[in-house]
Amino acid sequence: MNGYQNLSLVDIGFAAALIVVNGALSVALKLDLERKLAWAAVRTVVQLLLIGYVLGWVFEFDRWYVVLPLMVVMTLIAGFSASNRGRRTYAGQRVDSIASIWASAWIVGAFGLFVVIRIHPWYEPQYAIPILGMILGNTLTGVSLGIERMTEELTAGRGAVEMSLALGATRWEAAQGPARQAVRAGMIPTLNQMAVVGLVSLPGMMTGQVLAGQSPLQAVRYQIVIMFLIAAASALGTVGAVVMTYRRLFSPEHRFLAGKLVERAK
């Protein structure tokens, strides 16, 4: 098997030139996305280069008091990112996003590191940071979609919700329909990914291991573990976020606090 092929800055430049295709399509179809595409491309390069240098230093230093703060920062960024999506928001959404992502991702990540992979020491950055990062990225998507669908369903069905409450329904009986739709929306991306993994797409972790010379079967085993960890964390995070949203928007006296829902400023 051939060794790992290093990429030069020129190679990266050739790949970056492909973004011009996106820009051309945006101009041709009048999508007005050229600036967003350019900004996204710049952010991608800067963020990845930055994390590359940071991880190089962390891997070399290899101490828990360096690895743990980095994991905390990653989790906070994921929580903030999830709370900034969606058309509507409410007071406390940021706290709900961070709490649901933090709890689900760290619990599932700890299970994967301590029980499944059994790394020693637990803070081994080669495993802990990439695995937590993959879990956080997918949990972020589930949480943001779940909260967005919950707020949209409650807004669109406000009349039905308030009628149910007026007829004597409890707050959960009135909210369970939107809550189920929200949880389903948050879990669908992971389910779709699991349905085609290995057939249509080769996930990043598996691809990286194969490119680095790892046995394809070993790479597959790691990817199976990661997919199950992602699925569990995404489901737990979505359910947690939806439940916290429900508790924010319904009072203990079984009233729908529709006034808390506000349209996000553009």
C-alpha atoms as a PDB file:
ATOM      1  CA  MET A   1       0.000   0.000   0.000  1.00  0.00           C
ATOM      2  CA  ASN A   2       1.352   3.437  -0.944  1.00  0.00           C
ATOM      3  CA  GLY A   3       2.248   5.943   1.737  1.00  0.00           C
ATOM      4  CA  TYR A   4       0.211   8.995   2.681  1.00  0.00           C
ATOM      5  CA  GLN A   5       0.225  11.664  -0.053  1.00  0.00           C
ATOM      6  CA  ASN A   6       0.960  15.121   1.340  1.00  0.00           C
ATOM      7  CA  LEU A   7      -0.801  18.119  -0.202  1.00  0.00           C
ATOM      8  CA  SER A   8       0.929  21.390  -0.964  1.00  0.00           C
ATOM      9  CA  LEU A   9      -0.564  24.885  -0.830  1.00  0.00           C
ATOM     10  CA  VAL A  10      -0.742  24.806  -4.631  1.00  0.00           C
ATOM     11  CA  ASP A  11      -2.891  21.667  -4.457  1.00  0.00           C
ATOM     12  CA  ILE A  12      -5.210  23.395  -2.002  1.00  0.00           C
ATOM     13  CA  GLY A  13      -5.369  26.379  -4.347  1.00  0.00           C
ATOM     14  CA  PHE A  14      -6.530  24.176  -7.220  1.00  0.00           C
ATOM     15  CA  ALA A  15      -9.307  22.764  -5.005  1.00  0.00           C
ATOM     16  CA  ALA A  16     -10.288  26.242  -3.801  1.00  0.00           C
ATOM     17  CA  ALA A  17     -10.684  27.367  -7.410  1.00  0.00           C
ATOM     18  CA  LEU A  18     -13.695  25.068  -7.651  1.00  0.00           C
ATOM     19  CA  ILE A  19     -15.635  27.548  -5.503  1.00  0.00           C
ATOM     20  CA  VAL A  20     -15.704  29.721  -8.606  1.00  0.00           C
ATOM     21  CA  VAL A  21     -18.204  27.204  -9.999  1.00  0.00           C
ATOM     22  CA  ASN A  22     -20.550  27.939  -7.103  1.00  0.00           C
ATOM     23  CA  GLY A  23     -20.143  31.659  -7.608  1.00  0.00           C
ATOM     24  CA  ALA A  24     -20.831  31.363 -11.343  1.00  0.00           C
ATOM     25  CA  LEU A  25     -24.012  29.412 -10.666  1.00  0.00           C
ATOM     26  CA  SER A  26     -25.111  32.011  -8.132  1.00  0.00           C
ATOM     27  CA  VAL A  27     -24.566  34.822 -10.655  1.00  0.00           C
ATOM     28  CA  ALA A  28     -26.227  32.942 -13.517  1.00  0.00           C
ATOM     29  CA  LEU A  29     -29.301  32.051 -11.442  1.00  0.00           C
ATOM     30  CA  LYS A  30     -29.352  35.406  -9.617  1.00  0.00           C
ATOM     31  CA  LEU A  31     -29.192  33.731  -6.212  1.00  0.00           C
ATOM     32  CA  ASP A  32     -27.254  36.611  -4.639  1.00  0.00           C
ATOM     33  CA  LEU A  33     -25.004  34.180  -2.748  1.00  0.00           C
ATOM     34  CA  GLU A  34     -21.627  35.286  -4.095  1.00  0.00           C
ATOM     35  CA  ARG A  35     -20.544  37.188  -0.978  1.00  0.00           C
ATOM     36  CA  LYS A  36     -21.773  34.445   1.332  1.00  0.00           C
ATOM     37  CA  LEU A  37     -19.897  31.837  -0.692  1.00  0.00           C
ATOM     38  CA  ALA A  38     -16.698  33.877  -0.606  1.00  0.00           C
ATOM     39  CA  TRP A  39     -17.018  34.509   3.116  1.00  0.00           C
ATOM     40  CA  ALA A  40     -17.779  30.840   3.791  1.00  0.00           C
ATOM     41  CA  ALA A  41     -14.732  29.786   1.778  1.00  0.00           C
ATOM     42  CA  VAL A  42     -12.472  32.195   3.665  1.00  0.00           C
ATOM     43  CA  ARG A  43     -13.852  31.044   7.015  1.00  0.00           C
ATOM     44  CA  THR A  44     -13.331  27.408   6.039  1.00  0.00           C
ATOM     45  CA  VAL A  45      -9.671  27.973   5.222  1.00  0.00           C
ATOM     46  CA  VAL A  46      -8.937  30.154   8.255  1.00  0.00           C
ATOM     47  CA  GLN A  47     -10.792  27.965  10.743  1.00  0.00           C
ATOM     48  CA  LEU A  48      -9.262  24.726   9.519  1.00  0.00           C
ATOM     49  CA  LEU A  49      -5.743  26.146   9.406  1.00  0.00           C
ATOM     50  CA  LEU A  50      -6.218  27.539  12.901  1.00  0.00           C
ATOM     51  CA  ILE A  51      -7.472  24.255  14.333  1.00  0.00           C
ATOM     52  CA  GLY A  52      -4.637  22.471  12.529  1.00  0.00           C
ATOM     53  CA  TYR A  53      -2.041  24.554  14.340  1.00  0.00           C
ATOM     54  CA  VAL A  54      -3.917  24.282  17.658  1.00  0.00           C
ATOM     55  CA  LEU A  55      -4.238  20.493  17.399  1.00  0.00           C
ATOM     56  CA  GLY A  56      -0.574  20.179  16.484  1.00  0.00           C
ATOM     57  CA  TRP A  57       0.325  21.995  19.695  1.00  0.00           C
ATOM     58  CA  VAL A  58      -2.224  20.037  21.780  1.00  0.00           C
ATOM     59  CA  PHE A  59      -1.033  16.688  20.433  1.00  0.00           C
ATOM     60  CA  GLU A  60       2.541  17.602  21.261  1.00  0.00           C
ATOM     61  CA  PHE A  61       1.734  18.913  24.741  1.00  0.00           C
ATOM     62  CA  ASP A  62      -0.669  16.044  25.576  1.00  0.00           C
ATOM     63  CA  ARG A  63      -1.988  17.117  29.004  1.00  0.00           C
ATOM     64  CA  TRP A  64      -5.552  16.883  30.315  1.00  0.00           C
ATOM     65  CA  TYR A  65      -5.613  20.535  31.384  1.00  0.00           C
ATOM     66  CA  VAL A  66      -4.984  21.454  27.747  1.00  0.00           C
ATOM     67  CA  VAL A  67      -7.296  18.914  26.106  1.00  0.00           C
ATOM     68  CA  LEU A  68     -10.274  19.513  28.422  1.00  0.00           C
ATOM     69  CA  PRO A  69     -10.529  23.299  27.888  1.00  0.00           C
ATOM     70  CA  LEU A  70     -10.369  22.761  24.117  1.00  0.00           C
ATOM     71  CA  MET A  71     -13.251  20.280  24.357  1.00  0.00           C
ATOM     72  CA  VAL A  72     -15.227  22.789  26.424  1.00  0.00           C
ATOM     73  CA  VAL A  73     -14.639  25.535  23.849  1.00  0.00           C
ATOM     74  CA  MET A  74     -15.743  23.196  21.032  1.00  0.00           C
ATOM     75  CA  THR A  75     -18.941  22.399  22.936  1.00  0.00           C
ATOM     76  CA  LEU A  76     -19.752  26.045  23.630  1.00  0.00           C
ATOM     77  CA  ILE A  77     -19.235  26.966  19.976  1.00  0.00           C
ATOM     78  CA  ALA A  78     -21.567  24.139  18.945  1.00  0.00           C
ATOM     79  CA  GLY A  79     -24.218  25.327  21.406  1.00  0.00           C
ATOM     80  CA  PHE A  80     -23.978  28.948  20.279  1.00  0.00           C
ATOM     81  CA  SER A  81     -24.136  27.911  16.629  1.00  0.00           C
ATOM     82  CA  ALA A  82     -27.239  25.780  17.182  1.00  0.00           C
ATOM     83  CA  SER A  83     -29.014  28.623  18.987  1.00  0.00           C
ATOM     84  CA  ASN A  84     -28.429  31.073  16.125  1.00  0.00           C
ATOM     85  CA  ARG A  85     -30.418  29.104  13.557  1.00  0.00           C
ATOM     86  CA  GLY A  86     -34.102  29.197  12.819  1.00  0.00           C
ATOM     87  CA  ARG A  87     -36.575  31.948  12.066  1.00  0.00           C
ATOM     88  CA  ARG A  88     -37.895  32.325  15.617  1.00  0.00           C
ATOM     89  CA  THR A  89     -36.286  32.376  19.013  1.00  0.00           C
ATOM     90  CA  TYR A  90     -37.180  32.761  22.675  1.00  0.00           C
ATOM     91  CA  ALA A  91     -35.472  33.845  25.873  1.00  0.00           C
ATOM     92  CA  GLY A  92     -33.271  31.020  27.078  1.00  0.00           C
ATOM     93  CA  GLN A  93     -32.818  29.286  23.734  1.00  0.00           C
ATOM     94  CA  ARG A  94     -29.047  29.645  23.903  1.00  0.00           C
ATOM     95  CA  VAL A  95     -28.924  28.007  27.325  1.00  0.00           C
ATOM     96  CA  ASP A  96     -31.172  25.178  26.116  1.00  0.00           C
ATOM     97  CA  SER A  97     -28.989  24.575  23.050  1.00  0.00           C
ATOM     98  CA  ILE A  98     -25.744  24.498  25.016  1.00  0.00           C
ATOM     99  CA  ALA A  99     -27.171  22.304  27.781  1.00  0.00           C
ATOM    100  CA  SER A 100     -28.721  19.736  25.442  1.00  0.00           C
ATOM    101  CA  ILE A 101     -25.619  19.494  23.235  1.00  0.00           C
ATOM    102  CA  TRP A 102     -23.241  19.393  26.183  1.00  0.00           C
ATOM    103  CA  ALA A 103     -25.095  16.675  28.088  1.00  0.00           C
ATOM    104  CA  SER A 104     -25.796  14.379  25.143  1.00  0.00           C
ATOM    105  CA  ALA A 105     -22.440  14.730  23.375  1.00  0.00           C
ATOM    106  CA  TRP A 106     -20.322  14.325  26.496  1.00  0.00           C
ATOM    107  CA  ILE A 107     -22.289  11.390  27.893  1.00  0.00           C
ATOM    108  CA  VAL A 108     -22.217   9.493  24.614  1.00  0.00           C
ATOM    109  CA  GLY A 109     -18.622  10.533  23.918  1.00  0.00           C
ATOM    110  CA  ALA A 110     -17.540   9.289  27.352  1.00  0.00           C
ATOM    111  CA  PHE A 111     -19.252   5.960  26.687  1.00  0.00           C
ATOM    112  CA  GLY A 112     -17.432   5.630  23.389  1.00  0.00           C
ATOM    113  CA  LEU A 113     -14.023   6.521  24.822  1.00  0.00           C
ATOM    114  CA  PHE A 114     -14.252   4.629  28.131  1.00  0.00           C
ATOM    115  CA  VAL A 115     -16.376   1.594  27.251  1.00  0.00           C
ATOM    116  CA  VAL A 116     -15.990   0.960  23.506  1.00  0.00           C
ATOM    117  CA  ILE A 117     -12.536   2.197  22.470  1.00  0.00           C
ATOM    118  CA  ARG A 118     -11.086   2.152  26.015  1.00  0.00           C
ATOM    119  CA  ILE A 119      -8.286   4.650  25.482  1.00  0.00           C
ATOM    120  CA  HIS A 120      -5.725   5.332  28.179  1.00  0.00           C
ATOM    121  CA  PRO A 121      -5.316   7.994  29.326  1.00  0.00           C
ATOM    122  CA  TRP A 122      -8.868   9.217  28.754  1.00  0.00           C
ATOM    123  CA  TYR A 123      -7.699  12.573  27.419  1.00  0.00           C
ATOM    124  CA  GLU A 124      -5.608  11.087  24.595  1.00  0.00           C
ATOM    125  CA  PRO A 125      -6.121  13.974  22.095  1.00  0.00           C
ATOM    126  CA  GLN A 126      -5.720  11.741  19.046  1.00  0.00           C
ATOM    127  CA  TYR A 127      -9.019  10.078  19.978  1.00  0.00           C
ATOM    128  CA  ALA A 128     -10.881  12.369  22.362  1.00  0.00           C
ATOM    129  CA  ILE A 129     -10.910  15.549  20.262  1.00  0.00           C
ATOM    130  CA  PRO A 130     -11.828  14.118  16.816  1.00  0.00           C
ATOM    131  CA  ILE A 131     -14.511  11.822  18.252  1.00  0.00           C
ATOM    132  CA  LEU A 132     -16.102  14.585  20.315  1.00  0.00           C
ATOM    133  CA  GLY A 133     -15.900  16.912  17.309  1.00  0.00           C
ATOM    134  CA  MET A 134     -17.796  14.505  15.058  1.00  0.00           C
ATOM    135  CA  ILE A 135     -20.432  13.927  17.729  1.00  0.00           C
ATOM    136  CA  LEU A 136     -20.827  17.664  18.367  1.00  0.00           C
ATOM    137  CA  GLY A 137     -21.195  18.508  14.686  1.00  0.00           C
ATOM    138  CA  ASN A 138     -24.058  16.090  14.141  1.00  0.00           C
ATOM    139  CA  THR A 139     -25.727  16.798  17.485  1.00  0.00           C
ATOM    140  CA  LEU A 140     -25.653  20.500  16.630  1.00  0.00           C
ATOM    141  CA  THR A 141     -27.656  19.792  13.474  1.00  0.00           C
ATOM    142  CA  GLY A 142     -30.236  17.708  15.311  1.00  0.00           C
ATOM    143  CA  VAL A 143     -30.696  20.233  18.106  1.00  0.00           C
ATOM    144  CA  SER A 144     -31.009  23.238  15.784  1.00  0.00           C
ATOM    145  CA  LEU A 145     -33.517  21.450  13.537  1.00  0.00           C
ATOM    146  CA  GLY A 146     -35.500  20.217  16.527  1.00  0.00           C
ATOM    147  CA  ILE A 147     -35.830  23.645  18.117  1.00  0.00           C
ATOM    148  CA  GLU A 148     -36.603  25.281  14.786  1.00  0.00           C
ATOM    149  CA  ARG A 149     -39.360  22.779  13.965  1.00  0.00           C
ATOM    150  CA  MET A 150     -40.818  23.011  17.477  1.00  0.00           C
ATOM    151  CA  THR A 151     -41.118  26.797  17.344  1.00  0.00           C
ATOM    152  CA  GLU A 152     -42.507  26.745  13.790  1.00  0.00           C
ATOM    153  CA  GLU A 153     -45.066  24.037  14.571  1.00  0.00           C
ATOM    154  CA  LEU A 154     -46.255  25.874  17.670  1.00  0.00           C
ATOM    155  CA  THR A 155     -46.511  29.156  15.764  1.00  0.00           C
ATOM    156  CA  ALA A 156     -48.408  27.651  12.834  1.00  0.00           C
ATOM    157  CA  GLY A 157     -50.666  25.588  15.102  1.00  0.00           C
ATOM    158  CA  ARG A 158     -51.174  28.169  17.799  1.00  0.00           C
ATOM    159  CA  GLY A 159     -54.944  28.116  17.377  1.00  0.00           C
ATOM    160  CA  ALA A 160     -55.175  24.348  17.778  1.00  0.00           C
ATOM    161  CA  VAL A 161     -52.829  24.381  20.772  1.00  0.00           C
ATOM    162  CA  GLU A 162     -54.769  27.083  22.594  1.00  0.00           C
ATOM    163  CA  MET A 163     -58.089  25.405  21.787  1.00  0.00           C
ATOM    164  CA  SER A 164     -56.827  22.139  23.273  1.00  0.00           C
ATOM    165  CA  LEU A 165     -55.760  23.929  26.424  1.00  0.00           C
ATOM    166  CA  ALA A 166     -59.118  25.731  26.650  1.00  0.00           C
ATOM    167  CA  LEU A 167     -60.913  22.386  26.424  1.00  0.00           C
ATOM    168  CA  GLY A 168     -58.976  21.042  29.402  1.00  0.00           C
ATOM    169  CA  ALA A 169     -55.923  19.427  27.831  1.00  0.00           C
ATOM    170  CA  THR A 170     -52.681  19.480  29.763  1.00  0.00           C
ATOM    171  CA  ARG A 171     -49.726  21.385  28.388  1.00  0.00           C
ATOM    172  CA  TRP A 172     -48.077  18.143  27.250  1.00  0.00           C
ATOM    173  CA  GLU A 173     -51.243  16.918  25.534  1.00  0.00           C
ATOM    174  CA  ALA A 174     -51.392  20.199  23.630  1.00  0.00           C
ATOM    175  CA  ALA A 175     -47.693  20.207  22.733  1.00  0.00           C
ATOM    176  CA  GLN A 176     -46.994  16.539  22.021  1.00  0.00           C
ATOM    177  CA  GLY A 177     -47.887  16.767  18.323  1.00  0.00           C
ATOM    178  CA  PRO A 178     -45.405  19.589  17.571  1.00  0.00           C
ATOM    179  CA  ALA A 179     -42.852  17.937  19.863  1.00  0.00           C
ATOM    180  CA  ARG A 180     -42.996  14.658  17.935  1.00  0.00           C
ATOM    181  CA  GLN A 181     -42.600  16.481  14.629  1.00  0.00           C
ATOM    182  CA  ALA A 182     -39.623  18.396  16.041  1.00  0.00           C
ATOM    183  CA  VAL A 183     -37.844  15.275  17.288  1.00  0.00           C
ATOM    184  CA  ARG A 184     -38.467  13.543  13.973  1.00  0.00           C
ATOM    185  CA  ALA A 185     -37.011  16.506  12.075  1.00  0.00           C
ATOM    186  CA  GLY A 186     -33.897  16.486  14.244  1.00  0.00           C
ATOM    187  CA  MET A 187     -33.264  12.774  13.801  1.00  0.00           C
ATOM    188  CA  ILE A 188     -33.874  12.511  10.043  1.00  0.00           C
ATOM    189  CA  PRO A 189     -30.435  13.810   8.886  1.00  0.00           C
ATOM    190  CA  THR A 190     -28.615  11.145  10.897  1.00  0.00           C
ATOM    191  CA  LEU A 191     -31.006   8.432   9.743  1.00  0.00           C
ATOM    192  CA  ASN A 192     -30.504   9.467   6.122  1.00  0.00           C
ATOM    193  CA  GLN A 193     -26.741   9.407   6.610  1.00  0.00           C
ATOM    194  CA  MET A 194     -26.854   5.943   8.156  1.00  0.00           C
ATOM    195  CA  ALA A 195     -29.027   4.624   5.320  1.00  0.00           C
ATOM    196  CA  VAL A 196     -26.455   5.390   2.616  1.00  0.00           C
ATOM    197  CA  VAL A 197     -23.145   5.212   4.482  1.00  0.00           C
ATOM    198  CA  GLY A 198     -20.753   2.901   2.686  1.00  0.00           C
ATOM    199  CA  LEU A 199     -22.986   2.714  -0.384  1.00  0.00           C
ATOM    200  CA  VAL A 200     -23.187   6.326  -1.533  1.00  0.00           C
ATOM    201  CA  SER A 201     -20.792   8.118   0.807  1.00  0.00           C
ATOM    202  CA  LEU A 202     -17.575   7.191   2.567  1.00  0.00           C
ATOM    203  CA  PRO A 203     -17.456   9.131   5.860  1.00  0.00           C
ATOM    204  CA  GLY A 204     -14.573  11.411   6.648  1.00  0.00           C
ATOM    205  CA  MET A 205     -13.077   9.412   9.487  1.00  0.00           C
ATOM    206  CA  MET A 206     -13.033   6.188   7.475  1.00  0.00           C
ATOM    207  CA  THR A 207     -11.614   7.953   4.433  1.00  0.00           C
ATOM    208  CA  GLY A 208      -8.885   9.580   6.507  1.00  0.00           C
ATOM    209  CA  GLN A 209      -7.830   6.289   8.047  1.00  0.00           C
ATOM    210  CA  VAL A 210      -7.723   4.552   4.669  1.00  0.00           C
ATOM    211  CA  LEU A 211      -5.688   7.406   3.169  1.00  0.00           C
ATOM    212  CA  ALA A 212      -3.306   7.166   6.117  1.00  0.00           C
ATOM    213  CA  GLY A 213      -2.700   3.484   5.357  1.00  0.00           C
ATOM    214  CA  GLN A 214      -5.016   1.868   7.916  1.00  0.00           C
ATOM    215  CA  SER A 215      -6.636  -1.445   7.047  1.00  0.00           C
ATOM    216  CA  PRO A 216     -10.047  -0.791   5.384  1.00  0.00           C
ATOM    217  CA  LEU A 217     -11.721  -3.299   7.710  1.00  0.00           C
ATOM    218  CA  GLN A 218     -10.314  -1.576  10.798  1.00  0.00           C
ATOM    219  CA  ALA A 219     -11.389   1.783   9.379  1.00  0.00           C
ATOM    220  CA  VAL A 220     -14.888   0.376   8.852  1.00  0.00           C
ATOM    221  CA  ARG A 221     -15.072  -0.830  12.452  1.00  0.00           C
ATOM    222  CA  TYR A 222     -14.173   2.604  13.757  1.00  0.00           C
ATOM    223  CA  GLN A 223     -16.713   4.217  11.447  1.00  0.00           C
ATOM    224  CA  ILE A 224     -19.485   1.878  12.637  1.00  0.00           C
ATOM    225  CA  VAL A 225     -18.751   2.864  16.223  1.00  0.00           C
ATOM    226  CA  ILE A 226     -18.724   6.560  15.326  1.00  0.00           C
ATOM    227  CA  MET A 227     -22.034   6.319  13.439  1.00  0.00           C
ATOM    228  CA  PHE A 228     -23.750   4.706  16.418  1.00  0.00           C
ATOM    229  CA  LEU A 229     -22.300   7.282  18.796  1.00  0.00           C
ATOM    230  CA  ILE A 230     -23.492  10.081  16.518  1.00  0.00           C
ATOM    231  CA  ALA A 231     -26.969   8.576  16.213  1.00  0.00           C
ATOM    232  CA  ALA A 232     -27.342   8.239  19.987  1.00  0.00           C
ATOM    233  CA  ALA A 233     -26.026  11.716  20.794  1.00  0.00           C
ATOM    234  CA  SER A 234     -28.126  13.350  18.079  1.00  0.00           C
ATOM    235  CA  ALA A 235     -31.299  11.664  19.308  1.00  0.00           C
ATOM    236  CA  LEU A 236     -30.653  12.473  22.971  1.00  0.00           C
ATOM    237  CA  GLY A 237     -29.687  16.064  22.178  1.00  0.00           C
ATOM    238  CA  THR A 238     -32.754  16.635  20.007  1.00  0.00           C
ATOM    239  CA  VAL A 239     -35.145  15.209  22.588  1.00  0.00           C
ATOM    240  CA  GLY A 240     -33.492  17.234  25.347  1.00  0.00           C
ATOM    241  CA  ALA A 241     -33.680  20.465  23.348  1.00  0.00           C
ATOM    242  CA  VAL A 242     -37.326  19.911  22.384  1.00  0.00           C
ATOM    243  CA  VAL A 243     -38.309  19.132  25.985  1.00  0.00           C
ATOM    244  CA  MET A 244     -36.543  22.252  27.258  1.00  0.00           C
ATOM    245  CA  THR A 245     -38.210  24.342  24.546  1.00  0.00           C
ATOM    246  CA  TYR A 246     -41.581  22.924  25.566  1.00  0.00           C
ATOM    247  CA  ARG A 247     -40.966  23.800  29.221  1.00  0.00           C
ATOM    248  CA  ARG A 248     -39.967  27.345  28.266  1.00  0.00           C
ATOM    249  CA  LEU A 249     -43.081  27.960  26.182  1.00  0.00           C
ATOM    250  CA  PHE A 250     -45.691  26.336  28.415  1.00  0.00           C
ATOM    251  CA  SER A 251     -46.300  27.417  32.002  1.00  0.00           C
ATOM    252  CA  PRO A 252     -46.941  24.985  34.897  1.00  0.00           C
ATOM    253  CA  GLU A 253     -50.520  26.340  34.831  1.00  0.00           C
ATOM    254  CA  HIS A 254     -50.938  24.814  31.357  1.00  0.00           C
ATOM    255  CA  ARG A 255     -50.840  28.055  29.396  1.00  0.00           C
ATOM    256  CA  PHE A 256     -49.124  28.531  26.056  1.00  0.00           C
ATOM    257  CA  LEU A 257     -46.713  31.458  26.402  1.00  0.00           C
ATOM    258  CA  ALA A 258     -46.857  32.440  22.733  1.00  0.00           C
ATOM    259  CA  GLY A 259     -45.601  35.919  23.550  1.00  0.00           C
ATOM    260  CA  LYS A 260     -42.150  34.481  24.296  1.00  0.00           C
ATOM    261  CA  LEU A 261     -41.715  33.474  20.665  1.00  0.00           C
ATOM    262  CA  VAL A 262     -40.201  36.323  18.665  1.00  0.00           C
ATOM    263  CA  GLU A 263     -39.013  36.489  15.081  1.00  0.00           C
ATOM    264  CA  ARG A 264     -35.260  36.628  14.863  1.00  0.00           C
ATOM    265  CA  ALA A 265     -33.793  39.873  13.632  1.00  0.00           C
ATOM    266  CA  LYS A 266     -32.330  39.571  10.131  1.00  0.00           C
END
